[in-house]
N, C-alpha and C. Protein backbone atom coordinates (compact mmCIF):
# COMPACT_ATOMS: atom_id res chain seq x y z
N MET A 1 11.90 5.03 16.65
CA MET A 1 13.19 5.65 16.81
C MET A 1 14.23 5.02 15.87
N TYR A 2 14.24 3.70 15.74
CA TYR A 2 15.24 3.05 14.91
C TYR A 2 15.17 3.54 13.47
N TYR A 3 13.96 3.70 12.96
CA TYR A 3 13.78 4.14 11.58
C TYR A 3 14.39 5.52 11.38
N GLU A 4 14.06 6.43 12.29
CA GLU A 4 14.49 7.82 12.16
C GLU A 4 15.99 7.98 12.19
N VAL A 5 16.70 7.09 12.87
CA VAL A 5 18.16 7.21 12.95
C VAL A 5 18.88 6.23 12.03
N GLY A 6 18.13 5.54 11.17
CA GLY A 6 18.73 4.67 10.17
C GLY A 6 19.30 3.37 10.70
N GLU A 7 18.79 2.89 11.83
CA GLU A 7 19.27 1.64 12.40
C GLU A 7 18.37 0.49 11.95
N THR A 8 18.53 0.11 10.69
CA THR A 8 17.66 -0.89 10.07
C THR A 8 17.72 -2.23 10.78
N THR A 9 18.90 -2.73 11.03
CA THR A 9 19.02 -4.05 11.66
C THR A 9 18.40 -4.06 13.05
N ALA A 10 18.68 -3.04 13.84
CA ALA A 10 18.13 -2.99 15.20
C ALA A 10 16.60 -2.89 15.17
N GLY A 11 16.06 -2.07 14.29
CA GLY A 11 14.62 -1.93 14.19
C GLY A 11 13.94 -3.21 13.74
N TYR A 12 14.53 -3.85 12.75
CA TYR A 12 14.02 -5.10 12.22
C TYR A 12 13.99 -6.17 13.31
N GLU A 13 15.10 -6.32 14.03
CA GLU A 13 15.18 -7.33 15.08
C GLU A 13 14.23 -7.02 16.24
N TYR A 14 14.16 -5.76 16.62
CA TYR A 14 13.28 -5.38 17.73
C TYR A 14 11.83 -5.74 17.42
N LEU A 15 11.34 -5.34 16.26
CA LEU A 15 9.94 -5.57 15.95
C LEU A 15 9.64 -7.05 15.76
N ARG A 16 10.55 -7.77 15.12
CA ARG A 16 10.36 -9.23 14.98
C ARG A 16 10.28 -9.90 16.34
N ASP A 17 11.18 -9.53 17.24
CA ASP A 17 11.19 -10.13 18.58
C ASP A 17 9.93 -9.75 19.37
N TRP A 18 9.55 -8.48 19.32
CA TRP A 18 8.38 -8.01 20.05
C TRP A 18 7.12 -8.74 19.60
N ARG A 19 7.00 -8.94 18.30
CA ARG A 19 5.77 -9.49 17.77
C ARG A 19 5.59 -10.99 18.04
N ARG A 20 6.62 -11.66 18.45
CA ARG A 20 6.50 -13.10 18.74
C ARG A 20 5.42 -13.37 19.78
N ASP A 21 5.22 -12.43 20.70
CA ASP A 21 4.21 -12.61 21.75
C ASP A 21 2.89 -11.93 21.43
N TYR A 22 2.76 -11.40 20.22
CA TYR A 22 1.54 -10.70 19.83
C TYR A 22 0.72 -11.65 18.97
N GLY A 23 -0.41 -12.09 19.46
CA GLY A 23 -1.21 -13.11 18.80
C GLY A 23 -1.78 -12.69 17.45
N ARG A 24 -2.02 -13.69 16.63
CA ARG A 24 -2.60 -13.44 15.29
C ARG A 24 -3.94 -12.74 15.37
N GLY A 25 -4.65 -12.91 16.45
CA GLY A 25 -5.95 -12.27 16.61
C GLY A 25 -5.86 -10.80 17.00
N GLY A 26 -4.67 -10.34 17.29
CA GLY A 26 -4.49 -8.94 17.66
C GLY A 26 -4.85 -8.02 16.51
N LEU A 27 -5.52 -6.94 16.82
CA LEU A 27 -6.01 -6.02 15.79
C LEU A 27 -4.92 -5.54 14.84
N LEU A 28 -3.73 -5.36 15.35
CA LEU A 28 -2.65 -4.83 14.51
C LEU A 28 -1.63 -5.88 14.07
N HIS A 29 -1.97 -7.15 14.19
CA HIS A 29 -1.05 -8.20 13.76
C HIS A 29 -0.67 -8.03 12.30
N CYS A 30 -1.66 -7.83 11.47
CA CYS A 30 -1.42 -7.61 10.04
C CYS A 30 -0.51 -6.40 9.82
N HIS A 31 -0.83 -5.32 10.48
CA HIS A 31 -0.08 -4.08 10.27
C HIS A 31 1.34 -4.18 10.81
N THR A 32 1.54 -4.85 11.93
CA THR A 32 2.92 -5.02 12.40
C THR A 32 3.68 -5.94 11.46
N GLY A 33 2.99 -6.88 10.83
CA GLY A 33 3.61 -7.69 9.79
C GLY A 33 4.09 -6.83 8.64
N TRP A 34 3.29 -5.85 8.26
CA TRP A 34 3.67 -4.91 7.21
C TRP A 34 4.95 -4.17 7.60
N HIS A 35 5.01 -3.72 8.85
CA HIS A 35 6.21 -3.02 9.31
C HIS A 35 7.43 -3.95 9.26
N ILE A 36 7.25 -5.19 9.67
CA ILE A 36 8.36 -6.14 9.60
C ILE A 36 8.76 -6.36 8.14
N GLY A 37 7.77 -6.45 7.25
CA GLY A 37 8.08 -6.57 5.83
C GLY A 37 8.86 -5.38 5.30
N LEU A 38 8.50 -4.19 5.77
CA LEU A 38 9.26 -2.99 5.35
C LEU A 38 10.69 -3.03 5.86
N TRP A 39 10.86 -3.46 7.12
CA TRP A 39 12.22 -3.59 7.66
C TRP A 39 13.00 -4.61 6.86
N ALA A 40 12.38 -5.74 6.53
CA ALA A 40 13.06 -6.77 5.74
C ALA A 40 13.45 -6.21 4.38
N LEU A 41 12.55 -5.45 3.77
CA LEU A 41 12.84 -4.83 2.48
C LEU A 41 14.03 -3.88 2.61
N ALA A 42 14.03 -3.07 3.66
CA ALA A 42 15.13 -2.12 3.87
C ALA A 42 16.45 -2.85 4.12
N ALA A 43 16.37 -4.03 4.74
CA ALA A 43 17.57 -4.81 5.03
C ALA A 43 18.02 -5.63 3.83
N GLY A 44 17.24 -5.62 2.75
CA GLY A 44 17.59 -6.41 1.57
C GLY A 44 17.24 -7.88 1.70
N ASP A 45 16.37 -8.21 2.65
CA ASP A 45 15.98 -9.60 2.89
C ASP A 45 14.65 -9.87 2.19
N GLU A 46 14.73 -10.05 0.89
CA GLU A 46 13.52 -10.24 0.08
C GLU A 46 12.73 -11.48 0.51
N ALA A 47 13.42 -12.57 0.80
CA ALA A 47 12.73 -13.80 1.19
C ALA A 47 11.91 -13.58 2.47
N ALA A 48 12.48 -12.90 3.44
CA ALA A 48 11.74 -12.63 4.69
C ALA A 48 10.58 -11.68 4.42
N MET A 49 10.79 -10.72 3.52
CA MET A 49 9.69 -9.80 3.20
C MET A 49 8.50 -10.57 2.64
N TRP A 50 8.75 -11.43 1.65
CA TRP A 50 7.65 -12.19 1.06
C TRP A 50 7.03 -13.15 2.08
N GLU A 51 7.86 -13.72 2.94
CA GLU A 51 7.35 -14.65 3.95
C GLU A 51 6.34 -13.97 4.86
N VAL A 52 6.68 -12.81 5.38
CA VAL A 52 5.76 -12.11 6.28
C VAL A 52 4.55 -11.55 5.53
N VAL A 53 4.77 -11.10 4.31
CA VAL A 53 3.64 -10.61 3.51
C VAL A 53 2.64 -11.73 3.28
N ASP A 54 3.13 -12.89 2.88
CA ASP A 54 2.22 -14.01 2.59
C ASP A 54 1.58 -14.59 3.85
N ALA A 55 2.30 -14.62 4.94
CA ALA A 55 1.78 -15.24 6.16
C ALA A 55 0.88 -14.31 6.96
N ASP A 56 1.19 -13.01 6.95
CA ASP A 56 0.53 -12.13 7.91
C ASP A 56 -0.20 -10.93 7.33
N VAL A 57 0.11 -10.55 6.12
CA VAL A 57 -0.49 -9.33 5.57
C VAL A 57 -1.51 -9.66 4.50
N ASN A 58 -1.19 -10.54 3.61
CA ASN A 58 -2.00 -10.85 2.44
C ASN A 58 -3.29 -11.58 2.78
N GLY A 59 -4.35 -10.81 3.02
CA GLY A 59 -5.64 -11.42 3.29
C GLY A 59 -5.70 -12.11 4.63
N GLY A 60 -4.79 -11.76 5.51
CA GLY A 60 -4.76 -12.37 6.83
C GLY A 60 -5.97 -12.00 7.67
N ASP A 61 -5.77 -12.01 8.94
CA ASP A 61 -6.85 -11.77 9.87
C ASP A 61 -7.07 -10.29 10.16
N GLY A 62 -6.35 -9.43 9.48
CA GLY A 62 -6.45 -8.01 9.77
C GLY A 62 -7.73 -7.38 9.25
N PRO A 63 -8.01 -6.19 9.73
CA PRO A 63 -9.16 -5.45 9.20
C PRO A 63 -8.96 -5.22 7.70
N PRO A 64 -10.03 -5.29 6.90
CA PRO A 64 -9.89 -5.13 5.46
C PRO A 64 -9.14 -3.87 5.03
N LEU A 65 -9.33 -2.76 5.74
CA LEU A 65 -8.62 -1.54 5.36
C LEU A 65 -7.11 -1.73 5.51
N ASN A 66 -6.69 -2.39 6.59
CA ASN A 66 -5.26 -2.64 6.78
C ASN A 66 -4.71 -3.59 5.72
N VAL A 67 -5.45 -4.64 5.43
CA VAL A 67 -4.99 -5.60 4.43
C VAL A 67 -4.80 -4.89 3.09
N LEU A 68 -5.78 -4.12 2.67
CA LEU A 68 -5.69 -3.41 1.39
C LEU A 68 -4.52 -2.44 1.38
N THR A 69 -4.47 -1.56 2.36
CA THR A 69 -3.45 -0.50 2.34
C THR A 69 -2.06 -1.08 2.53
N ASP A 70 -1.92 -2.04 3.41
CA ASP A 70 -0.60 -2.62 3.66
C ASP A 70 -0.11 -3.42 2.45
N MET A 71 -0.99 -4.17 1.82
CA MET A 71 -0.58 -4.95 0.65
C MET A 71 -0.20 -4.03 -0.52
N ALA A 72 -1.05 -3.08 -0.82
CA ALA A 72 -0.75 -2.19 -1.95
C ALA A 72 0.55 -1.44 -1.71
N SER A 73 0.73 -0.95 -0.50
CA SER A 73 1.92 -0.13 -0.26
C SER A 73 3.20 -0.95 -0.23
N ILE A 74 3.15 -2.18 0.28
CA ILE A 74 4.40 -2.95 0.29
C ILE A 74 4.76 -3.45 -1.10
N LEU A 75 3.75 -3.78 -1.90
CA LEU A 75 4.05 -4.18 -3.27
C LEU A 75 4.65 -3.00 -4.05
N TYR A 76 4.10 -1.83 -3.84
CA TYR A 76 4.59 -0.62 -4.51
C TYR A 76 6.04 -0.34 -4.11
N ARG A 77 6.32 -0.42 -2.82
CA ARG A 77 7.68 -0.16 -2.35
C ARG A 77 8.64 -1.24 -2.85
N ALA A 78 8.19 -2.48 -2.90
CA ALA A 78 9.04 -3.56 -3.41
C ALA A 78 9.39 -3.31 -4.88
N GLU A 79 8.40 -2.91 -5.66
CA GLU A 79 8.65 -2.60 -7.08
C GLU A 79 9.75 -1.57 -7.23
N TYR A 80 9.64 -0.52 -6.45
CA TYR A 80 10.60 0.57 -6.59
C TYR A 80 11.92 0.30 -5.90
N ALA A 81 12.00 -0.81 -5.18
CA ALA A 81 13.27 -1.27 -4.63
C ALA A 81 13.94 -2.24 -5.62
N GLY A 82 13.28 -2.46 -6.76
CA GLY A 82 13.85 -3.31 -7.79
C GLY A 82 13.45 -4.77 -7.71
N ILE A 83 12.47 -5.08 -6.88
CA ILE A 83 12.00 -6.46 -6.75
C ILE A 83 10.92 -6.71 -7.79
N ASP A 84 11.01 -7.86 -8.43
CA ASP A 84 10.01 -8.24 -9.42
C ASP A 84 8.74 -8.66 -8.68
N VAL A 85 7.69 -7.88 -8.83
CA VAL A 85 6.41 -8.19 -8.21
C VAL A 85 5.52 -8.79 -9.30
N PRO A 86 5.20 -10.07 -9.17
CA PRO A 86 4.37 -10.71 -10.19
C PRO A 86 3.01 -10.02 -10.36
N ALA A 87 2.54 -9.94 -11.58
CA ALA A 87 1.25 -9.30 -11.87
C ALA A 87 0.13 -9.93 -11.06
N GLU A 88 0.23 -11.23 -10.78
CA GLU A 88 -0.81 -11.91 -10.02
C GLU A 88 -1.00 -11.29 -8.64
N ARG A 89 0.07 -10.79 -8.06
CA ARG A 89 -0.04 -10.16 -6.74
C ARG A 89 -0.84 -8.86 -6.85
N TRP A 90 -0.56 -8.07 -7.88
CA TRP A 90 -1.32 -6.83 -8.08
C TRP A 90 -2.79 -7.15 -8.38
N HIS A 91 -3.03 -8.19 -9.17
CA HIS A 91 -4.41 -8.58 -9.47
C HIS A 91 -5.15 -8.99 -8.20
N ALA A 92 -4.47 -9.72 -7.33
CA ALA A 92 -5.10 -10.16 -6.08
C ALA A 92 -5.48 -8.96 -5.19
N VAL A 93 -4.60 -7.97 -5.11
CA VAL A 93 -4.91 -6.79 -4.29
C VAL A 93 -6.02 -5.98 -4.94
N SER A 94 -6.00 -5.87 -6.25
CA SER A 94 -7.07 -5.17 -6.95
C SER A 94 -8.41 -5.87 -6.73
N ASP A 95 -8.41 -7.20 -6.80
CA ASP A 95 -9.64 -7.97 -6.53
C ASP A 95 -10.12 -7.74 -5.10
N TYR A 96 -9.19 -7.73 -4.17
CA TYR A 96 -9.53 -7.51 -2.76
C TYR A 96 -10.16 -6.13 -2.59
N ALA A 97 -9.57 -5.12 -3.21
CA ALA A 97 -10.11 -3.76 -3.13
C ALA A 97 -11.52 -3.71 -3.71
N ALA A 98 -11.73 -4.36 -4.84
CA ALA A 98 -13.05 -4.36 -5.47
C ALA A 98 -14.09 -5.07 -4.61
N LYS A 99 -13.67 -6.09 -3.91
CA LYS A 99 -14.59 -6.84 -3.06
C LYS A 99 -14.96 -6.07 -1.79
N PHE A 100 -13.95 -5.54 -1.10
CA PHE A 100 -14.20 -4.92 0.20
C PHE A 100 -14.46 -3.42 0.14
N PHE A 101 -14.05 -2.77 -0.94
CA PHE A 101 -14.23 -1.32 -1.09
C PHE A 101 -14.73 -1.02 -2.51
N PRO A 102 -15.93 -1.52 -2.84
CA PRO A 102 -16.41 -1.38 -4.22
C PRO A 102 -16.79 0.05 -4.60
N ASN A 103 -17.08 0.88 -3.61
CA ASN A 103 -17.51 2.25 -3.90
C ASN A 103 -16.59 3.24 -3.20
N PRO A 104 -16.12 4.23 -3.93
CA PRO A 104 -15.25 5.24 -3.31
C PRO A 104 -15.98 6.00 -2.20
N GLY A 105 -15.19 6.52 -1.26
CA GLY A 105 -15.76 7.29 -0.17
C GLY A 105 -14.88 7.36 1.06
N LEU A 106 -13.86 6.53 1.11
CA LEU A 106 -12.90 6.53 2.21
C LEU A 106 -11.53 6.79 1.60
N ALA A 107 -11.06 8.02 1.73
CA ALA A 107 -9.87 8.48 0.99
C ALA A 107 -8.67 7.55 1.14
N PHE A 108 -8.35 7.14 2.35
CA PHE A 108 -7.18 6.31 2.57
C PHE A 108 -7.30 4.99 1.80
N GLY A 109 -8.45 4.37 1.87
CA GLY A 109 -8.69 3.14 1.12
C GLY A 109 -8.74 3.38 -0.38
N ASP A 110 -9.38 4.47 -0.77
CA ASP A 110 -9.51 4.77 -2.21
C ASP A 110 -8.16 4.94 -2.89
N VAL A 111 -7.25 5.64 -2.22
CA VAL A 111 -5.94 5.87 -2.82
C VAL A 111 -5.18 4.56 -2.99
N HIS A 112 -5.24 3.70 -1.99
CA HIS A 112 -4.55 2.41 -2.09
C HIS A 112 -5.23 1.48 -3.10
N ALA A 113 -6.56 1.54 -3.16
CA ALA A 113 -7.27 0.77 -4.18
C ALA A 113 -6.88 1.27 -5.57
N ALA A 114 -6.78 2.58 -5.72
CA ALA A 114 -6.38 3.15 -7.01
C ALA A 114 -5.00 2.65 -7.42
N LEU A 115 -4.08 2.62 -6.48
CA LEU A 115 -2.75 2.11 -6.76
C LEU A 115 -2.82 0.65 -7.23
N ALA A 116 -3.57 -0.16 -6.51
CA ALA A 116 -3.70 -1.58 -6.88
C ALA A 116 -4.33 -1.73 -8.26
N HIS A 117 -5.40 -1.00 -8.51
CA HIS A 117 -6.07 -1.11 -9.81
C HIS A 117 -5.15 -0.65 -10.94
N ALA A 118 -4.43 0.45 -10.71
CA ALA A 118 -3.53 0.96 -11.74
C ALA A 118 -2.43 -0.05 -12.06
N MET A 119 -1.82 -0.59 -11.02
CA MET A 119 -0.71 -1.53 -11.23
C MET A 119 -1.20 -2.86 -11.80
N ALA A 120 -2.47 -3.19 -11.57
CA ALA A 120 -3.05 -4.42 -12.14
C ALA A 120 -3.56 -4.20 -13.56
N GLY A 121 -3.50 -2.95 -14.03
CA GLY A 121 -3.98 -2.65 -15.37
C GLY A 121 -5.49 -2.63 -15.49
N ARG A 122 -6.17 -2.35 -14.40
CA ARG A 122 -7.63 -2.35 -14.39
C ARG A 122 -8.15 -0.91 -14.47
N GLY A 123 -8.09 -0.38 -15.67
CA GLY A 123 -8.47 1.01 -15.92
C GLY A 123 -9.89 1.34 -15.55
N ASP A 124 -10.82 0.40 -15.73
CA ASP A 124 -12.21 0.68 -15.40
C ASP A 124 -12.40 0.88 -13.90
N ALA A 125 -11.76 0.05 -13.08
CA ALA A 125 -11.86 0.20 -11.63
C ALA A 125 -11.18 1.50 -11.18
N LEU A 126 -10.06 1.81 -11.79
CA LEU A 126 -9.36 3.06 -11.47
C LEU A 126 -10.21 4.26 -11.86
N ALA A 127 -10.83 4.21 -13.04
CA ALA A 127 -11.67 5.31 -13.51
C ALA A 127 -12.85 5.55 -12.57
N LYS A 128 -13.39 4.48 -11.99
CA LYS A 128 -14.51 4.63 -11.05
C LYS A 128 -14.08 5.45 -9.84
N ILE A 129 -12.88 5.23 -9.35
CA ILE A 129 -12.39 6.00 -8.21
C ILE A 129 -12.21 7.46 -8.61
N VAL A 130 -11.65 7.69 -9.78
CA VAL A 130 -11.42 9.07 -10.24
C VAL A 130 -12.74 9.81 -10.42
N THR A 131 -13.72 9.17 -11.02
CA THR A 131 -14.98 9.86 -11.30
C THR A 131 -15.93 9.92 -10.11
N ASP A 132 -15.83 8.96 -9.19
CA ASP A 132 -16.79 8.88 -8.09
C ASP A 132 -16.21 9.23 -6.72
N ALA A 133 -15.01 9.80 -6.67
CA ALA A 133 -14.40 10.15 -5.38
C ALA A 133 -15.34 11.05 -4.59
N LYS A 134 -15.40 10.80 -3.29
CA LYS A 134 -16.30 11.56 -2.41
C LYS A 134 -15.56 11.98 -1.16
N GLY A 135 -16.14 12.92 -0.45
CA GLY A 135 -15.63 13.31 0.85
C GLY A 135 -14.70 14.50 0.81
N PRO A 136 -14.22 14.89 1.98
CA PRO A 136 -13.42 16.10 2.08
C PRO A 136 -12.05 16.01 1.41
N ALA A 137 -11.59 14.82 1.10
CA ALA A 137 -10.29 14.67 0.44
C ALA A 137 -10.44 14.16 -0.99
N ALA A 138 -11.63 14.30 -1.57
CA ALA A 138 -11.88 13.77 -2.91
C ALA A 138 -10.90 14.34 -3.94
N ASP A 139 -10.55 15.60 -3.81
CA ASP A 139 -9.63 16.20 -4.77
C ASP A 139 -8.26 15.55 -4.73
N ILE A 140 -7.81 15.19 -3.54
CA ILE A 140 -6.51 14.52 -3.40
C ILE A 140 -6.60 13.09 -3.94
N VAL A 141 -7.71 12.42 -3.67
CA VAL A 141 -7.92 11.07 -4.19
C VAL A 141 -7.85 11.09 -5.71
N VAL A 142 -8.53 12.04 -6.34
CA VAL A 142 -8.53 12.13 -7.80
C VAL A 142 -7.12 12.37 -8.32
N ALA A 143 -6.40 13.29 -7.69
CA ALA A 143 -5.03 13.60 -8.14
C ALA A 143 -4.12 12.38 -8.01
N LEU A 144 -4.15 11.73 -6.86
CA LEU A 144 -3.27 10.58 -6.66
C LEU A 144 -3.68 9.40 -7.52
N ALA A 145 -4.97 9.15 -7.64
CA ALA A 145 -5.43 8.04 -8.49
C ALA A 145 -5.03 8.29 -9.95
N SER A 146 -5.18 9.52 -10.40
CA SER A 146 -4.76 9.86 -11.77
C SER A 146 -3.25 9.68 -11.92
N GLY A 147 -2.52 10.09 -10.91
CA GLY A 147 -1.06 9.93 -10.93
C GLY A 147 -0.64 8.47 -10.98
N PHE A 148 -1.32 7.62 -10.20
CA PHE A 148 -0.99 6.19 -10.23
C PHE A 148 -1.28 5.59 -11.60
N GLY A 149 -2.38 6.02 -12.22
CA GLY A 149 -2.68 5.54 -13.56
C GLY A 149 -1.59 5.92 -14.54
N ALA A 150 -1.12 7.16 -14.46
CA ALA A 150 -0.04 7.62 -15.33
C ALA A 150 1.25 6.87 -15.04
N LEU A 151 1.54 6.69 -13.76
CA LEU A 151 2.75 5.99 -13.35
C LEU A 151 2.77 4.56 -13.89
N ALA A 152 1.66 3.85 -13.71
CA ALA A 152 1.57 2.47 -14.19
C ALA A 152 1.70 2.39 -15.70
N GLY A 153 1.27 3.46 -16.38
CA GLY A 153 1.37 3.48 -17.84
C GLY A 153 2.68 4.04 -18.36
N GLY A 154 3.60 4.37 -17.45
CA GLY A 154 4.90 4.90 -17.87
C GLY A 154 4.83 6.33 -18.40
N ARG A 155 3.76 7.04 -18.05
CA ARG A 155 3.61 8.43 -18.49
C ARG A 155 4.13 9.33 -17.38
N TRP A 156 5.43 9.46 -17.30
CA TRP A 156 6.12 10.08 -16.17
C TRP A 156 5.77 11.55 -15.98
N GLU A 157 5.73 12.31 -17.04
CA GLU A 157 5.42 13.74 -16.92
C GLU A 157 3.98 13.94 -16.42
N GLU A 158 3.08 13.13 -16.92
CA GLU A 158 1.69 13.19 -16.47
C GLU A 158 1.58 12.82 -14.98
N ALA A 159 2.34 11.80 -14.58
CA ALA A 159 2.36 11.40 -13.17
C ALA A 159 2.89 12.54 -12.30
N LEU A 160 3.96 13.15 -12.74
CA LEU A 160 4.54 14.27 -12.00
C LEU A 160 3.53 15.41 -11.85
N GLN A 161 2.82 15.71 -12.92
CA GLN A 161 1.82 16.78 -12.88
C GLN A 161 0.69 16.46 -11.91
N ALA A 162 0.32 15.20 -11.80
CA ALA A 162 -0.76 14.80 -10.89
C ALA A 162 -0.27 14.77 -9.44
N PHE A 163 0.93 14.25 -9.22
CA PHE A 163 1.42 14.08 -7.85
C PHE A 163 1.88 15.38 -7.19
N THR A 164 2.50 16.26 -7.95
CA THR A 164 3.13 17.44 -7.36
C THR A 164 2.17 18.28 -6.52
N PRO A 165 1.01 18.68 -7.02
CA PRO A 165 0.12 19.49 -6.17
C PRO A 165 -0.39 18.73 -4.94
N ALA A 166 -0.56 17.42 -5.09
CA ALA A 166 -1.09 16.62 -3.98
C ALA A 166 -0.09 16.48 -2.85
N MET A 167 1.18 16.60 -3.13
CA MET A 167 2.18 16.39 -2.09
C MET A 167 2.15 17.47 -1.01
N GLY A 168 1.61 18.62 -1.31
CA GLY A 168 1.51 19.69 -0.32
C GLY A 168 0.42 19.47 0.71
N CYS A 169 -0.46 18.50 0.47
CA CYS A 169 -1.55 18.27 1.44
C CYS A 169 -1.97 16.81 1.49
N HIS A 170 -1.07 15.91 1.19
CA HIS A 170 -1.40 14.48 1.17
C HIS A 170 -1.78 13.95 2.54
N GLU A 171 -1.45 14.68 3.61
CA GLU A 171 -1.82 14.20 4.95
C GLU A 171 -3.34 14.14 5.11
N ARG A 172 -4.07 14.78 4.23
CA ARG A 172 -5.52 14.75 4.30
C ARG A 172 -6.10 13.37 4.03
N ILE A 173 -5.34 12.49 3.40
CA ILE A 173 -5.85 11.13 3.16
C ILE A 173 -5.61 10.22 4.35
N GLY A 174 -4.72 10.60 5.27
CA GLY A 174 -4.44 9.79 6.44
C GLY A 174 -3.30 8.84 6.21
N GLY A 175 -3.00 8.04 7.21
CA GLY A 175 -1.94 7.05 7.11
C GLY A 175 -0.60 7.59 7.51
N SER A 176 0.40 6.73 7.38
CA SER A 176 1.74 7.13 7.80
C SER A 176 2.69 7.11 6.63
């Protein structure tokens, strides 16, 4: 509710307070950390964002799919909020994707891996996702992965051409 009505401070404080009693072993500890990081980013609290990312999201105790998707998406959002994201962070997420999701086949993971590979400048790993995408959302994976490659390369028109058709059915990859 706080997000939908633009109450950034209230949402940020609520989730931080709630999570104090949620143990690190909890299945969604990593993911709630991501949400707290997003609230911190929205509040302009870069130090808190990096703190929660490093402590709770980055290779933490979460399921590998959550770690990959949450890391790639928060780094991406930080970049576009004007925060300098060191290349080493993108390389680490790309390495994580290659280790835990070496073969395409899970659309939600594939799209986030593609983002990480593109931003890390790893064209060969990105190309593997584009050429080997599988499953009922393979067409969306290819479009978004191609778009991320164009975006990372500063080819804005190409990125727009790849992203635009995918936006009408991106819910097929899952996630929020």
